[in-house]
Amino acid sequence: FNGDGAPGSMFELAYSETDASSFDNLARIYRDTNYGDVEVTNDLYNAYDPADIRLGLYSAEDEDPDDARPLNYRMVGKWTNEQGYDNIAVIRFAEVILNYAEALASQPGGEPAALVELTKITSERNAPAYATGAIANVWNERRLELAMEGHRFFDLIRTGRPIPIVDPAQTIADGGVPAGSYRFAMPIPQDEIDANSSMVQNEGYGD
C-alpha cells in the first residue's frame, strides 16, 4: 500500500489528480492527521502479535491523557495520500492466497494444505504460525491481513456469521447483530419509495 503498483498488488483502480476528490477519500477518513472519522477497534489492534509488522500500519493516539479510556487507534499505512490520489487495490496476492486457503479448509481433509497457504502469509508478516489450517484460523487471518480494506462485512455475510460486539464504543444492538438479521440491509430511502409505487421497503424498516 506504500505507493501505487506496490508488490503483491494484482489489480488496481487508477486514481490520478483529476480523478480523485481532494476532500472525501479514505486517507482523510482514516488518518489521524486529518478527519480520522473511522477508528480501529481495540479488539482488532490487540489481535495482532506484538512482533507482527502489520502493527506498523496503525497509529496509537491518546487524545486526552487525563481520560482513562483506551487509546484511539487508526489506520494510517493504507491509503496515505490525503489528496486521494492513491490507487485502489482491488485484488492483492495475499487475498488470493487466503481465498485458496479458505477453499482448502472447507474441504474434508484440506486443513494441512490450508495451513501451508496460511504460513505463506504469517511468515512474511513476522506473525506467529498457526497450529492448524482450520477454517476459523483462515477467517482470523483474513481479518488481520485485509483490515480496513472493505472485506470484513462481506466476509461475515457470505459465511453466515453475526456481527459481534467486540468493543464498547460500537453503536450496534446489544449482543451484536445475528446472522440473517434485517440490519444487514439498509433501509430504502423514502424518496426512492415515493418515486416508485412498486417498491417495497426492506424488512424491519416499515411502519
Protein backbone atom coordinates (compact mmCIF):
# COMPACT_ATOMS: atom_id res chain seq x y z
CA PHE A 1 0.00 0.00 0.00
CA ASN A 2 3.01 2.26 0.13
CA GLY A 3 2.59 3.65 -3.36
CA ASP A 4 0.73 2.61 -6.49
CA GLY A 5 1.62 -0.74 -8.03
CA ALA A 6 3.09 -2.00 -4.79
CA PRO A 7 4.45 -5.55 -4.61
CA GLY A 8 1.62 -8.00 -4.15
CA SER A 9 -0.95 -5.82 -5.89
CA MET A 10 -2.52 -7.74 -8.77
CA PHE A 11 -5.27 -5.37 -9.92
CA GLU A 12 -5.82 -1.71 -9.08
CA LEU A 13 -8.22 1.07 -9.96
CA ALA A 14 -6.09 4.01 -11.02
CA TYR A 15 -6.72 7.39 -9.41
CA SER A 16 -4.95 10.49 -10.66
CA GLU A 17 -5.17 14.10 -9.59
CA THR A 18 -8.09 14.65 -11.96
CA ASP A 19 -9.94 11.51 -10.82
CA ALA A 20 -9.97 11.88 -7.08
CA SER A 21 -11.72 14.25 -4.72
CA SER A 22 -9.30 16.12 -2.54
CA PHE A 23 -11.73 16.03 0.39
CA ASP A 24 -13.75 12.81 0.52
CA ASN A 25 -11.24 9.98 0.33
CA LEU A 26 -10.10 7.10 2.51
CA ALA A 27 -6.87 8.76 3.63
CA ARG A 28 -8.75 11.71 5.09
CA ILE A 29 -11.36 9.42 6.69
CA TYR A 30 -8.81 7.02 8.23
CA ARG A 31 -5.72 9.01 9.10
CA ASP A 32 -5.07 10.70 12.43
CA THR A 33 -3.56 13.69 10.59
CA ASN A 34 -6.91 14.52 9.02
CA TYR A 35 -10.60 13.86 9.76
CA GLY A 36 -9.89 10.46 11.27
CA ASP A 37 -13.62 9.69 11.33
CA VAL A 38 -13.14 5.92 11.28
CA GLU A 39 -11.25 4.42 14.18
CA VAL A 40 -9.90 0.89 14.59
CA THR A 41 -11.37 -1.09 17.47
CA ASN A 42 -9.09 -2.07 20.32
CA ASP A 43 -10.13 -5.66 19.64
CA LEU A 44 -8.68 -5.58 16.14
CA TYR A 45 -5.48 -3.82 17.15
CA ASN A 46 -4.90 -6.23 20.04
CA ALA A 47 -5.49 -9.23 17.79
CA TYR A 48 -2.03 -8.75 16.24
CA ASP A 49 1.03 -10.26 17.84
CA PRO A 50 3.37 -7.52 19.15
CA ALA A 51 6.05 -8.62 16.66
CA ASP A 52 3.67 -8.54 13.67
CA ILE A 53 4.94 -5.91 11.22
CA ARG A 54 1.35 -5.04 10.29
CA LEU A 55 1.05 -3.15 13.58
CA GLY A 56 3.15 -0.51 11.85
CA LEU A 57 0.13 0.29 9.67
CA TYR A 58 -1.68 1.72 12.71
CA SER A 59 -1.25 4.73 14.92
CA ALA A 60 -1.99 4.84 18.62
CA GLU A 61 -3.11 8.20 19.98
CA ASP A 62 -4.05 9.32 23.48
CA GLU A 63 -6.33 12.27 22.74
CA ASP A 64 -6.90 13.04 26.41
CA PRO A 65 -4.15 11.95 28.85
CA ASP A 66 -6.47 12.65 31.78
CA ASP A 67 -9.14 10.30 30.40
CA ALA A 68 -8.98 6.66 31.48
CA ARG A 69 -10.42 5.43 28.17
CA PRO A 70 -8.21 3.28 25.90
CA LEU A 71 -6.03 4.73 23.20
CA ASN A 72 -7.54 5.64 19.85
CA TYR A 73 -6.19 3.52 17.01
CA ARG A 74 -6.36 4.50 13.37
CA MET A 75 -5.26 3.01 10.06
CA VAL A 76 -2.51 5.23 8.69
CA GLY A 77 -0.49 2.86 6.48
CA LYS A 78 -3.07 2.10 3.79
CA TRP A 79 -4.21 4.97 1.55
CA THR A 80 -1.70 7.55 2.65
CA ASN A 81 -2.30 10.30 0.07
CA GLU A 82 -4.65 12.79 1.67
CA GLN A 83 -5.47 14.30 -1.70
CA GLY A 84 -6.98 10.95 -2.70
CA TYR A 85 -4.54 10.04 -5.48
CA ASP A 86 -3.94 6.54 -4.16
CA ASN A 87 -4.92 3.70 -6.46
CA ILE A 88 -7.48 1.30 -5.02
CA ALA A 89 -6.02 -2.19 -4.66
CA VAL A 90 -8.90 -4.42 -5.78
CA ILE A 91 -7.05 -7.75 -5.70
CA ARG A 92 -3.90 -8.42 -3.71
CA PHE A 93 -1.89 -11.63 -3.90
CA ALA A 94 -2.34 -12.10 -0.16
CA GLU A 95 -6.10 -12.23 -0.68
CA VAL A 96 -5.71 -14.82 -3.43
CA ILE A 97 -3.68 -16.99 -1.04
CA LEU A 98 -6.31 -16.59 1.66
CA ASN A 99 -9.11 -17.40 -0.79
CA TYR A 100 -7.29 -20.58 -1.69
CA ALA A 101 -6.65 -21.43 1.96
CA GLU A 102 -10.34 -20.97 2.73
CA ALA A 103 -11.34 -23.23 -0.14
CA LEU A 104 -8.93 -25.90 1.08
CA ALA A 105 -10.02 -25.62 4.71
CA SER A 106 -13.65 -26.02 3.65
CA GLN A 107 -12.96 -29.44 2.16
CA PRO A 108 -12.68 -32.68 4.17
CA GLY A 109 -9.02 -33.34 4.87
CA GLY A 110 -8.00 -29.97 3.47
CA GLU A 111 -6.66 -28.38 6.65
CA PRO A 112 -3.00 -29.45 6.22
CA ALA A 113 -2.86 -27.86 2.76
CA ALA A 114 -4.66 -24.79 4.07
CA LEU A 115 -2.01 -24.45 6.78
CA VAL A 116 0.71 -24.36 4.11
CA GLU A 117 -1.06 -21.40 2.50
CA LEU A 118 -1.66 -19.61 5.80
CA THR A 119 2.01 -19.92 6.65
CA LYS A 120 2.88 -18.04 3.45
CA ILE A 121 1.17 -15.01 4.97
CA THR A 122 2.30 -15.24 8.59
CA SER A 123 5.93 -15.92 7.67
CA GLU A 124 6.03 -12.70 5.61
CA ARG A 125 4.47 -10.65 8.40
CA ASN A 126 6.66 -11.88 11.28
CA ALA A 127 3.47 -13.24 12.86
CA PRO A 128 3.10 -16.47 14.85
CA ALA A 129 2.40 -19.53 12.74
CA TYR A 130 -0.95 -21.23 13.15
CA ALA A 131 -1.05 -24.76 14.52
CA THR A 132 -3.70 -25.91 12.04
CA GLY A 133 -5.34 -24.81 8.82
CA ALA A 134 -8.80 -24.75 10.40
CA ILE A 135 -11.35 -22.51 8.74
CA ALA A 136 -11.53 -20.32 11.87
CA ASN A 137 -7.80 -19.61 11.53
CA VAL A 138 -8.23 -18.67 7.87
CA TRP A 139 -11.04 -16.27 8.77
CA ASN A 140 -8.93 -14.76 11.53
CA GLU A 141 -6.03 -14.18 9.17
CA ARG A 142 -8.36 -12.56 6.62
CA ARG A 143 -9.41 -10.13 9.33
CA LEU A 144 -5.81 -9.23 10.13
CA GLU A 145 -4.42 -9.08 6.61
CA LEU A 146 -7.32 -7.35 4.87
CA ALA A 147 -8.24 -4.99 7.70
CA MET A 148 -9.80 -1.67 6.68
CA GLU A 149 -9.96 -2.72 3.02
CA GLY A 150 -13.71 -3.32 2.92
CA HIS A 151 -13.76 -7.12 3.19
CA ARG A 152 -14.88 -7.84 6.75
CA PHE A 153 -18.60 -7.07 6.45
CA PHE A 154 -18.96 -9.15 3.31
CA ASP A 155 -16.90 -11.99 4.79
CA LEU A 156 -19.34 -12.17 7.70
CA ILE A 157 -22.35 -12.17 5.37
CA ARG A 158 -21.13 -14.84 2.98
CA THR A 159 -20.02 -17.17 5.77
CA GLY A 160 -23.24 -16.80 7.77
CA ARG A 161 -21.63 -15.23 10.82
CA PRO A 162 -23.03 -12.48 13.05
CA ILE A 163 -21.58 -9.05 13.57
CA PRO A 164 -20.18 -9.43 17.09
CA ILE A 165 -19.80 -6.81 19.77
CA VAL A 166 -16.01 -6.53 20.15
CA ASP A 167 -15.69 -3.02 21.53
CA PRO A 168 -17.87 -0.98 23.91
CA ALA A 169 -17.68 2.01 21.54
CA GLN A 170 -19.67 0.17 18.89
CA THR A 171 -23.16 1.52 18.40
CA ILE A 172 -24.96 -1.59 17.16
CA ALA A 173 -27.53 -3.52 19.17
CA ASP A 174 -26.55 -5.13 22.46
CA GLY A 175 -25.19 -8.58 21.78
CA GLY A 176 -24.27 -7.81 18.18
CA VAL A 177 -26.26 -8.39 15.02
CA PRO A 178 -27.19 -12.06 14.47
CA ALA A 179 -26.61 -13.66 11.08
CA GLY A 180 -29.57 -13.10 8.79
CA SER A 181 -30.80 -10.03 10.68
CA TYR A 182 -32.63 -7.37 8.69
CA ARG A 183 -29.92 -4.96 9.85
CA PHE A 184 -27.55 -6.44 7.27
CA ALA A 185 -29.56 -4.50 4.66
CA MET A 186 -30.05 -0.75 4.88
CA PRO A 187 -33.48 0.89 4.57
CA ILE A 188 -34.52 2.12 1.14
CA PRO A 189 -34.71 5.94 1.17
CA GLN A 190 -38.27 7.25 1.32
CA ASP A 191 -37.70 9.42 -1.75
CA GLU A 192 -36.99 6.27 -3.78
CA ILE A 193 -40.12 4.57 -2.48
CA ASP A 194 -42.21 7.65 -3.25
CA ALA A 195 -40.87 7.69 -6.81
CA ASN A 196 -41.79 4.04 -7.49
CA SER A 197 -45.15 2.74 -6.29
CA SER A 198 -43.99 -0.85 -6.87
CA MET A 199 -41.11 -0.58 -4.45
CA VAL A 200 -41.40 -2.28 -1.07
CA GLN A 201 -39.40 -1.18 1.96
CA ASN A 202 -36.82 -3.66 3.25
CA GLU A 203 -37.89 -5.88 6.10
CA GLY A 204 -37.66 -4.32 9.54
CA TYR A 205 -37.94 -0.70 8.44
CA GLY A 206 -41.69 -0.42 7.83
CA ASP A 207 -44.25 1.35 9.97
